[in-house]
């Protein structure tokens, strides 16, 4: 099987869907002439032209609102935010219009729209450009939230998101666009709301998603040398969440560690913790451990940033805690 970059998988998904359906277009800052801020739309302007690959002003509220209206009138927009930190400028359009329109219209309007772009930290970008918003958007009824961690998942899930008749928040990472992985050349679509067991194990379940899941794999390799087998579940879709996949794993391992690149208060990890204790509490042999960023804005200093972000050593410590080691 061929190996391609994450950005190429994103580009292929959008291009294939745009060839299939003329109602789909891409809009955002630098998506056309510059081939995308992270080159995720490279070559698309040449193929589809400026009416379907549209450079916008720096005006997220404006082009997000235009695309919501377009979706109400039969189009299927893909809206790229250069970073989801900039989506806050358009959050009224996303939350109060896109997410609620089907309910407020009594089902008269679907909003088949994808808002996509990078989330969370990406090195020394400072406090206002290093935030994770998965839990923010997942808190909103009417939105689906997808956070892939591999090129294979990114392509299959993005194609599903584009075909979905409801608004989807599709969150990537600046630090993953160059990641390489195996991606089939043929057509495939991955269903939203289905987690993936990326590594099987019998001693402890680690649940994660997005780029931070890489730290779980590093930790699992370290722990394997101690004879501890970790099962790693990649949520892939935060909302709807595949709770059964988590429950089934916890029933097997009896221990749970959750790794998330976000602030701890009201996090996705908090929701998973509640769901597990509510539904499979009797299977737990230790209190659930969650690992998040520090409860503070992201620092700029490399030394402080290293301390702020969760890492493999944090995962190892958490696993030792649930294993009573």
C-alpha atoms as a PDB file:
ATOM      1  CA  UNK A   1       0.000   0.000   0.000  1.00  0.00           C
ATOM      2  CA  UNK A   2       1.243   3.508  -0.780  1.00  0.00           C
ATOM      3  CA  UNK A   3       2.381   5.930   1.933  1.00  0.00           C
ATOM      4  CA  UNK A   4       1.290   9.597   1.840  1.00  0.00           C
ATOM      5  CA  UNK A   5       1.305  12.605   4.139  1.00  0.00           C
ATOM      6  CA  UNK A   6      -1.587  13.664   6.337  1.00  0.00           C
ATOM      7  CA  UNK A   7      -2.001  16.865   4.273  1.00  0.00           C
ATOM      8  CA  UNK A   8      -2.174  14.802   1.096  1.00  0.00           C
ATOM      9  CA  UNK A   9      -4.872  12.588   2.599  1.00  0.00           C
ATOM     10  CA  UNK A  10      -6.914  15.700   3.427  1.00  0.00           C
ATOM     11  CA  UNK A  11      -6.436  17.051  -0.092  1.00  0.00           C
ATOM     12  CA  UNK A  12      -7.413  13.747  -1.686  1.00  0.00           C
ATOM     13  CA  UNK A  13     -10.577  13.496   0.388  1.00  0.00           C
ATOM     14  CA  UNK A  14     -11.728  16.987  -0.575  1.00  0.00           C
ATOM     15  CA  UNK A  15     -10.778  16.588  -4.235  1.00  0.00           C
ATOM     16  CA  UNK A  16     -12.461  13.218  -4.639  1.00  0.00           C
ATOM     17  CA  UNK A  17     -15.659  14.506  -3.083  1.00  0.00           C
ATOM     18  CA  UNK A  18     -15.618  17.671  -5.210  1.00  0.00           C
ATOM     19  CA  UNK A  19     -15.266  15.564  -8.361  1.00  0.00           C
ATOM     20  CA  UNK A  20     -18.219  13.490  -7.213  1.00  0.00           C
ATOM     21  CA  UNK A  21     -20.508  16.380  -6.254  1.00  0.00           C
ATOM     22  CA  UNK A  22     -20.487  19.836  -7.874  1.00  0.00           C
ATOM     23  CA  UNK A  23     -22.316  21.370  -4.904  1.00  0.00           C
ATOM     24  CA  UNK A  24     -19.152  21.049  -2.775  1.00  0.00           C
ATOM     25  CA  UNK A  25     -16.737  23.959  -2.556  1.00  0.00           C
ATOM     26  CA  UNK A  26     -13.773  24.967  -0.359  1.00  0.00           C
ATOM     27  CA  UNK A  27     -13.524  28.421   1.197  1.00  0.00           C
ATOM     28  CA  UNK A  28     -10.956  29.938   3.544  1.00  0.00           C
ATOM     29  CA  UNK A  29      -7.856  32.036   3.970  1.00  0.00           C
ATOM     30  CA  UNK A  30      -5.052  31.119   1.532  1.00  0.00           C
ATOM     31  CA  UNK A  31      -6.768  27.912   0.350  1.00  0.00           C
ATOM     32  CA  UNK A  32      -6.494  28.813  -3.361  1.00  0.00           C
ATOM     33  CA  UNK A  33      -3.554  30.836  -4.684  1.00  0.00           C
ATOM     34  CA  UNK A  34      -1.243  29.751  -1.862  1.00  0.00           C
ATOM     35  CA  UNK A  35      -2.383  26.086  -2.012  1.00  0.00           C
ATOM     36  CA  UNK A  36      -3.458  26.254   1.626  1.00  0.00           C
ATOM     37  CA  UNK A  37      -1.619  27.591   4.668  1.00  0.00           C
ATOM     38  CA  UNK A  38      -0.365  24.034   5.265  1.00  0.00           C
ATOM     39  CA  UNK A  39      -0.610  22.931   1.617  1.00  0.00           C
ATOM     40  CA  UNK A  40      -3.677  20.797   2.349  1.00  0.00           C
ATOM     41  CA  UNK A  41      -5.397  22.147  -0.790  1.00  0.00           C
ATOM     42  CA  UNK A  42      -2.396  21.964  -3.108  1.00  0.00           C
ATOM     43  CA  UNK A  43      -3.455  21.861  -6.760  1.00  0.00           C
ATOM     44  CA  UNK A  44      -7.158  22.232  -6.063  1.00  0.00           C
ATOM     45  CA  UNK A  45      -7.461  25.739  -7.522  1.00  0.00           C
ATOM     46  CA  UNK A  46      -5.941  24.513 -10.784  1.00  0.00           C
ATOM     47  CA  UNK A  47      -8.421  21.649 -10.992  1.00  0.00           C
ATOM     48  CA  UNK A  48     -11.632  23.214  -9.731  1.00  0.00           C
ATOM     49  CA  UNK A  49     -11.204  26.909 -10.432  1.00  0.00           C
ATOM     50  CA  UNK A  50     -11.804  30.041  -8.324  1.00  0.00           C
ATOM     51  CA  UNK A  51     -15.571  29.530  -8.015  1.00  0.00           C
ATOM     52  CA  UNK A  52     -15.072  26.297  -6.040  1.00  0.00           C
ATOM     53  CA  UNK A  53     -11.755  26.972  -4.292  1.00  0.00           C
ATOM     54  CA  UNK A  54     -12.210  30.440  -2.846  1.00  0.00           C
ATOM     55  CA  UNK A  55      -9.680  32.672  -1.097  1.00  0.00           C
ATOM     56  CA  UNK A  56     -11.321  34.832   1.546  1.00  0.00           C
ATOM     57  CA  UNK A  57     -10.452  37.983   3.468  1.00  0.00           C
ATOM     58  CA  UNK A  58      -9.367  37.609   7.088  1.00  0.00           C
ATOM     59  CA  UNK A  59     -13.014  37.582   8.154  1.00  0.00           C
ATOM     60  CA  UNK A  60     -14.028  34.256   9.697  1.00  0.00           C
ATOM     61  CA  UNK A  61     -17.474  35.438  10.793  1.00  0.00           C
ATOM     62  CA  UNK A  62     -18.188  36.571   7.239  1.00  0.00           C
ATOM     63  CA  UNK A  63     -17.148  33.505   5.278  1.00  0.00           C
ATOM     64  CA  UNK A  64     -18.523  31.093   7.881  1.00  0.00           C
ATOM     65  CA  UNK A  65     -21.869  32.885   7.694  1.00  0.00           C
ATOM     66  CA  UNK A  66     -21.851  32.880   3.888  1.00  0.00           C
ATOM     67  CA  UNK A  67     -21.268  29.132   3.904  1.00  0.00           C
ATOM     68  CA  UNK A  68     -24.082  28.473   6.392  1.00  0.00           C
ATOM     69  CA  UNK A  69     -26.435  30.324   4.067  1.00  0.00           C
ATOM     70  CA  UNK A  70     -25.065  28.409   1.082  1.00  0.00           C
ATOM     71  CA  UNK A  71     -25.631  25.112   2.898  1.00  0.00           C
ATOM     72  CA  UNK A  72     -29.251  26.110   3.540  1.00  0.00           C
ATOM     73  CA  UNK A  73     -29.641  26.586  -0.212  1.00  0.00           C
ATOM     74  CA  UNK A  74     -28.300  23.263  -1.452  1.00  0.00           C
ATOM     75  CA  UNK A  75     -24.522  23.600  -1.381  1.00  0.00           C
ATOM     76  CA  UNK A  76     -22.109  21.532   0.711  1.00  0.00           C
ATOM     77  CA  UNK A  77     -19.349  23.908   1.822  1.00  0.00           C
ATOM     78  CA  UNK A  78     -15.988  23.026   3.333  1.00  0.00           C
ATOM     79  CA  UNK A  79     -14.799  25.949   5.459  1.00  0.00           C
ATOM     80  CA  UNK A  80     -11.130  25.990   6.397  1.00  0.00           C
ATOM     81  CA  UNK A  81      -9.977  27.930   9.439  1.00  0.00           C
ATOM     82  CA  UNK A  82      -6.236  28.567   9.359  1.00  0.00           C
ATOM     83  CA  UNK A  83      -6.419  27.499  12.994  1.00  0.00           C
ATOM     84  CA  UNK A  84      -9.417  26.760  15.182  1.00  0.00           C
ATOM     85  CA  UNK A  85      -8.206  29.548  17.431  1.00  0.00           C
ATOM     86  CA  UNK A  86      -9.604  31.823  14.703  1.00  0.00           C
ATOM     87  CA  UNK A  87     -12.941  30.016  14.760  1.00  0.00           C
ATOM     88  CA  UNK A  88     -13.820  32.008  17.876  1.00  0.00           C
ATOM     89  CA  UNK A  89     -14.452  34.956  15.561  1.00  0.00           C
ATOM     90  CA  UNK A  90     -17.117  32.814  13.845  1.00  0.00           C
ATOM     91  CA  UNK A  91     -18.441  30.949  16.869  1.00  0.00           C
ATOM     92  CA  UNK A  92     -21.838  32.670  16.679  1.00  0.00           C
ATOM     93  CA  UNK A  93     -22.259  31.425  13.104  1.00  0.00           C
ATOM     94  CA  UNK A  94     -21.197  27.900  14.091  1.00  0.00           C
ATOM     95  CA  UNK A  95     -23.109  27.543  17.369  1.00  0.00           C
ATOM     96  CA  UNK A  96     -26.184  29.704  16.864  1.00  0.00           C
ATOM     97  CA  UNK A  97     -26.727  29.133  13.141  1.00  0.00           C
ATOM     98  CA  UNK A  98     -25.132  25.962  11.779  1.00  0.00           C
ATOM     99  CA  UNK A  99     -25.717  23.766  14.839  1.00  0.00           C
ATOM    100  CA  UNK A 100     -29.266  24.915  15.583  1.00  0.00           C
ATOM    101  CA  UNK A 101     -30.794  25.544  12.171  1.00  0.00           C
ATOM    102  CA  UNK A 102     -32.331  22.087  11.662  1.00  0.00           C
ATOM    103  CA  UNK A 103     -34.060  22.223  15.055  1.00  0.00           C
ATOM    104  CA  UNK A 104     -35.137  25.868  14.738  1.00  0.00           C
ATOM    105  CA  UNK A 105     -36.550  25.297  11.250  1.00  0.00           C
ATOM    106  CA  UNK A 106     -38.500  22.228  12.295  1.00  0.00           C
ATOM    107  CA  UNK A 107     -36.365  20.066  10.029  1.00  0.00           C
ATOM    108  CA  UNK A 108     -36.862  22.241   6.936  1.00  0.00           C
ATOM    109  CA  UNK A 109     -33.144  22.996   6.579  1.00  0.00           C
ATOM    110  CA  UNK A 110     -30.185  20.639   6.705  1.00  0.00           C
ATOM    111  CA  UNK A 111     -26.755  22.230   7.118  1.00  0.00           C
ATOM    112  CA  UNK A 112     -24.301  19.933   5.282  1.00  0.00           C
ATOM    113  CA  UNK A 113     -21.138  21.863   6.103  1.00  0.00           C
ATOM    114  CA  UNK A 114     -17.644  20.944   7.298  1.00  0.00           C
ATOM    115  CA  UNK A 115     -15.582  23.363   9.375  1.00  0.00           C
ATOM    116  CA  UNK A 116     -12.006  22.089   9.302  1.00  0.00           C
ATOM    117  CA  UNK A 117      -8.495  23.171  10.289  1.00  0.00           C
ATOM    118  CA  UNK A 118      -5.801  22.616  12.930  1.00  0.00           C
ATOM    119  CA  UNK A 119      -6.486  22.554  16.664  1.00  0.00           C
ATOM    120  CA  UNK A 120      -4.438  22.619  19.884  1.00  0.00           C
ATOM    121  CA  UNK A 121      -0.773  23.502  20.259  1.00  0.00           C
ATOM    122  CA  UNK A 122       1.841  23.566  17.523  1.00  0.00           C
ATOM    123  CA  UNK A 123       5.041  24.654  19.246  1.00  0.00           C
ATOM    124  CA  UNK A 124       5.927  28.205  20.203  1.00  0.00           C
ATOM    125  CA  UNK A 125       2.761  29.930  19.045  1.00  0.00           C
ATOM    126  CA  UNK A 126       1.793  31.469  22.377  1.00  0.00           C
ATOM    127  CA  UNK A 127      -1.334  31.378  24.492  1.00  0.00           C
ATOM    128  CA  UNK A 128      -3.838  32.606  21.896  1.00  0.00           C
ATOM    129  CA  UNK A 129      -2.781  30.164  19.168  1.00  0.00           C
ATOM    130  CA  UNK A 130      -2.394  26.944  21.167  1.00  0.00           C
ATOM    131  CA  UNK A 131      -5.869  26.056  22.387  1.00  0.00           C
ATOM    132  CA  UNK A 132      -7.845  22.850  21.915  1.00  0.00           C
ATOM    133  CA  UNK A 133     -11.559  23.331  21.278  1.00  0.00           C
ATOM    134  CA  UNK A 134     -12.846  19.780  20.869  1.00  0.00           C
ATOM    135  CA  UNK A 135     -14.743  19.874  24.152  1.00  0.00           C
ATOM    136  CA  UNK A 136     -16.159  23.329  23.373  1.00  0.00           C
ATOM    137  CA  UNK A 137     -17.772  22.215  20.144  1.00  0.00           C
ATOM    138  CA  UNK A 138     -18.690  18.754  21.457  1.00  0.00           C
ATOM    139  CA  UNK A 139     -20.762  20.519  24.111  1.00  0.00           C
ATOM    140  CA  UNK A 140     -23.112  21.731  21.357  1.00  0.00           C
ATOM    141  CA  UNK A 141     -26.092  19.612  20.255  1.00  0.00           C
ATOM    142  CA  UNK A 142     -26.274  19.583  16.465  1.00  0.00           C
ATOM    143  CA  UNK A 143     -22.519  19.423  15.873  1.00  0.00           C
ATOM    144  CA  UNK A 144     -20.394  16.366  15.170  1.00  0.00           C
ATOM    145  CA  UNK A 145     -16.743  16.593  16.186  1.00  0.00           C
ATOM    146  CA  UNK A 146     -14.029  14.558  14.458  1.00  0.00           C
ATOM    147  CA  UNK A 147     -10.339  14.474  15.466  1.00  0.00           C
ATOM    148  CA  UNK A 148      -8.303  11.978  13.391  1.00  0.00           C
ATOM    149  CA  UNK A 149      -4.757  10.909  14.271  1.00  0.00           C
ATOM    150  CA  UNK A 150      -3.537   9.179  11.079  1.00  0.00           C
ATOM    151  CA  UNK A 151      -3.622   9.920   7.330  1.00  0.00           C
ATOM    152  CA  UNK A 152      -5.786   6.820   6.762  1.00  0.00           C
ATOM    153  CA  UNK A 153      -8.364   7.939   9.303  1.00  0.00           C
ATOM    154  CA  UNK A 154      -8.205  11.551   8.125  1.00  0.00           C
ATOM    155  CA  UNK A 155      -9.144  10.712   4.544  1.00  0.00           C
ATOM    156  CA  UNK A 156     -11.910   8.244   5.342  1.00  0.00           C
ATOM    157  CA  UNK A 157     -13.456  10.386   8.058  1.00  0.00           C
ATOM    158  CA  UNK A 158     -13.271  13.620   6.054  1.00  0.00           C
ATOM    159  CA  UNK A 159     -15.104  11.994   3.147  1.00  0.00           C
ATOM    160  CA  UNK A 160     -17.806  10.864   5.592  1.00  0.00           C
ATOM    161  CA  UNK A 161     -17.973  14.349   7.109  1.00  0.00           C
ATOM    162  CA  UNK A 162     -18.421  15.983   3.694  1.00  0.00           C
ATOM    163  CA  UNK A 163     -21.252  13.574   2.853  1.00  0.00           C
ATOM    164  CA  UNK A 164     -22.979  14.103   6.192  1.00  0.00           C
ATOM    165  CA  UNK A 165     -26.137  16.220   6.171  1.00  0.00           C
ATOM    166  CA  UNK A 166     -25.304  17.901   9.462  1.00  0.00           C
ATOM    167  CA  UNK A 167     -22.489  20.309  10.402  1.00  0.00           C
ATOM    168  CA  UNK A 168     -19.205  18.612  11.257  1.00  0.00           C
ATOM    169  CA  UNK A 169     -16.232  20.096  13.078  1.00  0.00           C
ATOM    170  CA  UNK A 170     -13.142  18.395  11.625  1.00  0.00           C
ATOM    171  CA  UNK A 171     -10.029  19.078  13.680  1.00  0.00           C
ATOM    172  CA  UNK A 172      -6.488  18.427  12.508  1.00  0.00           C
ATOM    173  CA  UNK A 173      -3.026  19.489  13.739  1.00  0.00           C
ATOM    174  CA  UNK A 174      -0.288  21.669  12.315  1.00  0.00           C
ATOM    175  CA  UNK A 175       2.222  19.178  13.680  1.00  0.00           C
ATOM    176  CA  UNK A 176       0.598  16.227  11.911  1.00  0.00           C
ATOM    177  CA  UNK A 177       0.333  17.534   8.341  1.00  0.00           C
ATOM    178  CA  UNK A 178       3.725  16.036   7.495  1.00  0.00           C
ATOM    179  CA  UNK A 179       3.005  12.685   9.163  1.00  0.00           C
ATOM    180  CA  UNK A 180       3.083   9.760   6.763  1.00  0.00           C
ATOM    181  CA  UNK A 181       0.876   6.678   6.763  1.00  0.00           C
ATOM    182  CA  UNK A 182      -0.587   4.012   4.556  1.00  0.00           C
ATOM    183  CA  UNK A 183      -3.663   5.107   2.600  1.00  0.00           C
ATOM    184  CA  UNK A 184      -5.391   2.925  -0.036  1.00  0.00           C
ATOM    185  CA  UNK A 185      -5.698   4.297  -3.541  1.00  0.00           C
ATOM    186  CA  UNK A 186      -9.256   3.028  -3.891  1.00  0.00           C
ATOM    187  CA  UNK A 187     -12.456   4.562  -2.556  1.00  0.00           C
ATOM    188  CA  UNK A 188     -13.186   4.131   1.156  1.00  0.00           C
ATOM    189  CA  UNK A 189     -15.227   6.000   3.757  1.00  0.00           C
ATOM    190  CA  UNK A 190     -14.982   5.564   7.526  1.00  0.00           C
ATOM    191  CA  UNK A 191     -18.191   5.962   9.558  1.00  0.00           C
ATOM    192  CA  UNK A 192     -18.407   8.782  12.058  1.00  0.00           C
ATOM    193  CA  UNK A 193     -18.894   7.787  15.678  1.00  0.00           C
ATOM    194  CA  UNK A 194     -16.819   4.584  15.567  1.00  0.00           C
ATOM    195  CA  UNK A 195     -13.638   4.349  17.650  1.00  0.00           C
ATOM    196  CA  UNK A 196     -10.638   2.247  16.644  1.00  0.00           C
ATOM    197  CA  UNK A 197      -8.587  -0.075  18.833  1.00  0.00           C
ATOM    198  CA  UNK A 198      -5.139   0.928  17.646  1.00  0.00           C
ATOM    199  CA  UNK A 199      -3.305  -1.472  19.957  1.00  0.00           C
ATOM    200  CA  UNK A 200      -4.697  -4.451  21.843  1.00  0.00           C
ATOM    201  CA  UNK A 201      -3.774  -5.223  25.436  1.00  0.00           C
ATOM    202  CA  UNK A 202      -5.124  -6.867  28.571  1.00  0.00           C
ATOM    203  CA  UNK A 203      -3.849  -4.806  31.518  1.00  0.00           C
ATOM    204  CA  UNK A 204      -4.991  -1.200  31.071  1.00  0.00           C
ATOM    205  CA  UNK A 205      -7.075   0.837  28.628  1.00  0.00           C
ATOM    206  CA  UNK A 206      -5.703   4.137  27.336  1.00  0.00           C
ATOM    207  CA  UNK A 207      -8.223   6.339  25.516  1.00  0.00           C
ATOM    208  CA  UNK A 208      -7.017   9.272  23.440  1.00  0.00           C
ATOM    209  CA  UNK A 209      -7.472  11.080  20.107  1.00  0.00           C
ATOM    210  CA  UNK A 210      -5.669  13.471  17.791  1.00  0.00           C
ATOM    211  CA  UNK A 211      -1.928  14.036  17.732  1.00  0.00           C
ATOM    212  CA  UNK A 212      -1.409  13.548  21.482  1.00  0.00           C
ATOM    213  CA  UNK A 213      -2.215   9.841  21.064  1.00  0.00           C
ATOM    214  CA  UNK A 214       1.377   9.467  19.831  1.00  0.00           C
ATOM    215  CA  UNK A 215       2.497   9.819  23.446  1.00  0.00           C
ATOM    216  CA  UNK A 216       0.295   6.871  24.368  1.00  0.00           C
ATOM    217  CA  UNK A 217       2.148   4.637  21.913  1.00  0.00           C
ATOM    218  CA  UNK A 218       5.525   5.738  23.269  1.00  0.00           C
ATOM    219  CA  UNK A 219       4.329   4.990  26.787  1.00  0.00           C
ATOM    220  CA  UNK A 220       2.903   1.617  25.740  1.00  0.00           C
ATOM    221  CA  UNK A 221       6.293   0.573  24.357  1.00  0.00           C
ATOM    222  CA  UNK A 222       7.986   1.561  27.624  1.00  0.00           C
ATOM    223  CA  UNK A 223       5.387  -0.281  29.690  1.00  0.00           C
ATOM    224  CA  UNK A 224       5.608  -3.384  27.500  1.00  0.00           C
ATOM    225  CA  UNK A 225       9.190  -3.814  28.686  1.00  0.00           C
ATOM    226  CA  UNK A 226       7.754  -4.072  32.206  1.00  0.00           C
ATOM    227  CA  UNK A 227       5.264  -6.712  31.105  1.00  0.00           C
ATOM    228  CA  UNK A 228       2.275  -4.323  31.101  1.00  0.00           C
ATOM    229  CA  UNK A 229       0.068  -4.630  28.011  1.00  0.00           C
ATOM    230  CA  UNK A 230      -1.800  -1.426  27.128  1.00  0.00           C
ATOM    231  CA  UNK A 231      -4.897  -1.322  24.981  1.00  0.00           C
ATOM    232  CA  UNK A 232      -5.045   1.984  23.080  1.00  0.00           C
ATOM    233  CA  UNK A 233      -8.395   3.243  21.838  1.00  0.00           C
ATOM    234  CA  UNK A 234      -8.450   6.117  19.347  1.00  0.00           C
ATOM    235  CA  UNK A 235     -11.816   7.845  19.672  1.00  0.00           C
ATOM    236  CA  UNK A 236     -11.501   9.424  16.206  1.00  0.00           C
ATOM    237  CA  UNK A 237     -14.936  11.008  16.719  1.00  0.00           C
ATOM    238  CA  UNK A 238     -15.485  12.915  19.962  1.00  0.00           C
ATOM    239  CA  UNK A 239     -19.184  13.468  19.218  1.00  0.00           C
ATOM    240  CA  UNK A 240     -20.929  11.144  18.682  1.00  0.00           C
ATOM    241  CA  UNK A 241     -18.691   9.184  21.036  1.00  0.00           C
ATOM    242  CA  UNK A 242     -18.268   5.422  20.721  1.00  0.00           C
ATOM    243  CA  UNK A 243     -18.879   4.722  24.395  1.00  0.00           C
ATOM    244  CA  UNK A 244     -19.383   1.009  23.855  1.00  0.00           C
ATOM    245  CA  UNK A 245     -15.835   0.611  22.560  1.00  0.00           C
ATOM    246  CA  UNK A 246     -14.550   2.170  25.780  1.00  0.00           C
ATOM    247  CA  UNK A 247     -16.868   0.108  27.970  1.00  0.00           C
ATOM    248  CA  UNK A 248     -15.889  -3.144  26.284  1.00  0.00           C
ATOM    249  CA  UNK A 249     -12.207  -2.414  26.744  1.00  0.00           C
ATOM    250  CA  UNK A 250     -12.622  -1.462  30.411  1.00  0.00           C
ATOM    251  CA  UNK A 251     -14.547  -4.688  31.004  1.00  0.00           C
ATOM    252  CA  UNK A 252     -11.455  -6.515  29.732  1.00  0.00           C
ATOM    253  CA  UNK A 253      -8.651  -4.509  31.369  1.00  0.00           C
ATOM    254  CA  UNK A 254     -10.453  -3.159  34.468  1.00  0.00           C
ATOM    255  CA  UNK A 255      -8.335   0.009  34.386  1.00  0.00           C
ATOM    256  CA  UNK A 256      -8.626   3.277  32.465  1.00  0.00           C
ATOM    257  CA  UNK A 257      -6.278   6.147  31.651  1.00  0.00           C
ATOM    258  CA  UNK A 258      -7.465   9.044  29.439  1.00  0.00           C
ATOM    259  CA  UNK A 259      -4.980  11.212  27.555  1.00  0.00           C
ATOM    260  CA  UNK A 260      -6.167  14.538  26.125  1.00  0.00           C
ATOM    261  CA  UNK A 261      -4.457  17.694  24.911  1.00  0.00           C
ATOM    262  CA  UNK A 262      -6.828  20.164  26.529  1.00  0.00           C
ATOM    263  CA  UNK A 263      -7.485  21.887  29.817  1.00  0.00           C
ATOM    264  CA  UNK A 264      -8.842  19.591  32.540  1.00  0.00           C
ATOM    265  CA  UNK A 265     -12.013  21.445  33.537  1.00  0.00           C
ATOM    266  CA  UNK A 266     -15.103  20.177  31.627  1.00  0.00           C
ATOM    267  CA  UNK A 267     -12.843  18.217  29.275  1.00  0.00           C
ATOM    268  CA  UNK A 268     -13.643  15.268  27.013  1.00  0.00           C
ATOM    269  CA  UNK A 269     -11.805  13.178  29.611  1.00  0.00           C
ATOM    270  CA  UNK A 270     -14.290  14.378  32.229  1.00  0.00           C
ATOM    271  CA  UNK A 271     -17.211  13.124  30.119  1.00  0.00           C
ATOM    272  CA  UNK A 272     -15.550   9.763  29.499  1.00  0.00           C
ATOM    273  CA  UNK A 273     -14.876   9.407  33.224  1.00  0.00           C
ATOM    274  CA  UNK A 274     -18.544  10.050  34.021  1.00  0.00           C
ATOM    275  CA  UNK A 275     -19.798   7.616  31.370  1.00  0.00           C
ATOM    276  CA  UNK A 276     -17.491   4.823  32.546  1.00  0.00           C
ATOM    277  CA  UNK A 277     -18.317   5.188  36.243  1.00  0.00           C
ATOM    278  CA  UNK A 278     -22.033   5.376  35.401  1.00  0.00           C
ATOM    279  CA  UNK A 279     -22.111   2.337  33.135  1.00  0.00           C
ATOM    280  CA  UNK A 280     -19.223  -0.024  34.017  1.00  0.00           C
ATOM    281  CA  UNK A 281     -18.177   1.044  37.499  1.00  0.00           C
ATOM    282  CA  UNK A 282     -18.209  -2.516  38.835  1.00  0.00           C
ATOM    283  CA  UNK A 283     -15.502  -3.521  36.350  1.00  0.00           C
ATOM    284  CA  UNK A 284     -13.001  -0.921  37.591  1.00  0.00           C
ATOM    285  CA  UNK A 285     -10.174  -2.141  39.805  1.00  0.00           C
ATOM    286  CA  UNK A 286      -8.680   1.342  40.252  1.00  0.00           C
ATOM    287  CA  UNK A 287      -9.799   4.963  40.055  1.00  0.00           C
ATOM    288  CA  UNK A 288      -9.756   6.407  36.526  1.00  0.00           C
ATOM    289  CA  UNK A 289      -6.750   8.597  35.725  1.00  0.00           C
ATOM    290  CA  UNK A 290      -6.873  11.474  33.255  1.00  0.00           C
ATOM    291  CA  UNK A 291      -3.920  13.319  31.753  1.00  0.00           C
ATOM    292  CA  UNK A 292      -4.397  16.811  30.291  1.00  0.00           C
ATOM    293  CA  UNK A 293      -2.456  19.993  29.700  1.00  0.00           C
ATOM    294  CA  UNK A 294      -1.744  22.153  32.718  1.00  0.00           C
ATOM    295  CA  UNK A 295      -4.705  24.289  33.791  1.00  0.00           C
ATOM    296  CA  UNK A 296      -3.169  27.485  32.447  1.00  0.00           C
ATOM    297  CA  UNK A 297      -2.777  29.302  29.119  1.00  0.00           C
ATOM    298  CA  UNK A 298      -0.069  27.820  26.907  1.00  0.00           C
ATOM    299  CA  UNK A 299       3.354  29.373  27.596  1.00  0.00           C
ATOM    300  CA  UNK A 300       5.725  30.559  24.860  1.00  0.00           C
ATOM    301  CA  UNK A 301       8.936  29.412  26.542  1.00  0.00           C
ATOM    302  CA  UNK A 302      10.048  25.996  25.185  1.00  0.00           C
ATOM    303  CA  UNK A 303      10.967  24.810  28.692  1.00  0.00           C
ATOM    304  CA  UNK A 304       7.586  25.806  30.107  1.00  0.00           C
ATOM    305  CA  UNK A 305       5.719  24.479  27.074  1.00  0.00           C
ATOM    306  CA  UNK A 306       7.323  21.082  27.628  1.00  0.00           C
ATOM    307  CA  UNK A 307       5.988  21.076  31.190  1.00  0.00           C
ATOM    308  CA  UNK A 308       2.544  22.316  30.092  1.00  0.00           C
ATOM    309  CA  UNK A 309       1.914  19.554  27.550  1.00  0.00           C
ATOM    310  CA  UNK A 310       1.169  15.954  28.551  1.00  0.00           C
ATOM    311  CA  UNK A 311       3.791  13.407  27.524  1.00  0.00           C
ATOM    312  CA  UNK A 312       4.631   9.716  27.538  1.00  0.00           C
ATOM    313  CA  UNK A 313       6.167   9.880  31.018  1.00  0.00           C
ATOM    314  CA  UNK A 314       2.869  11.236  32.355  1.00  0.00           C
ATOM    315  CA  UNK A 315       1.094   8.271  30.776  1.00  0.00           C
ATOM    316  CA  UNK A 316       3.574   5.810  32.293  1.00  0.00           C
ATOM    317  CA  UNK A 317       3.051   7.340  35.743  1.00  0.00           C
ATOM    318  CA  UNK A 318      -0.726   7.180  35.385  1.00  0.00           C
ATOM    319  CA  UNK A 319      -0.590   3.525  34.291  1.00  0.00           C
ATOM    320  CA  UNK A 320       1.645   2.689  37.243  1.00  0.00           C
ATOM    321  CA  UNK A 321      -0.904   4.364  39.507  1.00  0.00           C
ATOM    322  CA  UNK A 322      -3.861   2.323  38.224  1.00  0.00           C
ATOM    323  CA  UNK A 323      -1.700  -0.822  38.317  1.00  0.00           C
ATOM    324  CA  UNK A 324      -0.693   0.003  41.931  1.00  0.00           C
ATOM    325  CA  UNK A 325       2.993  -0.115  41.024  1.00  0.00           C
END
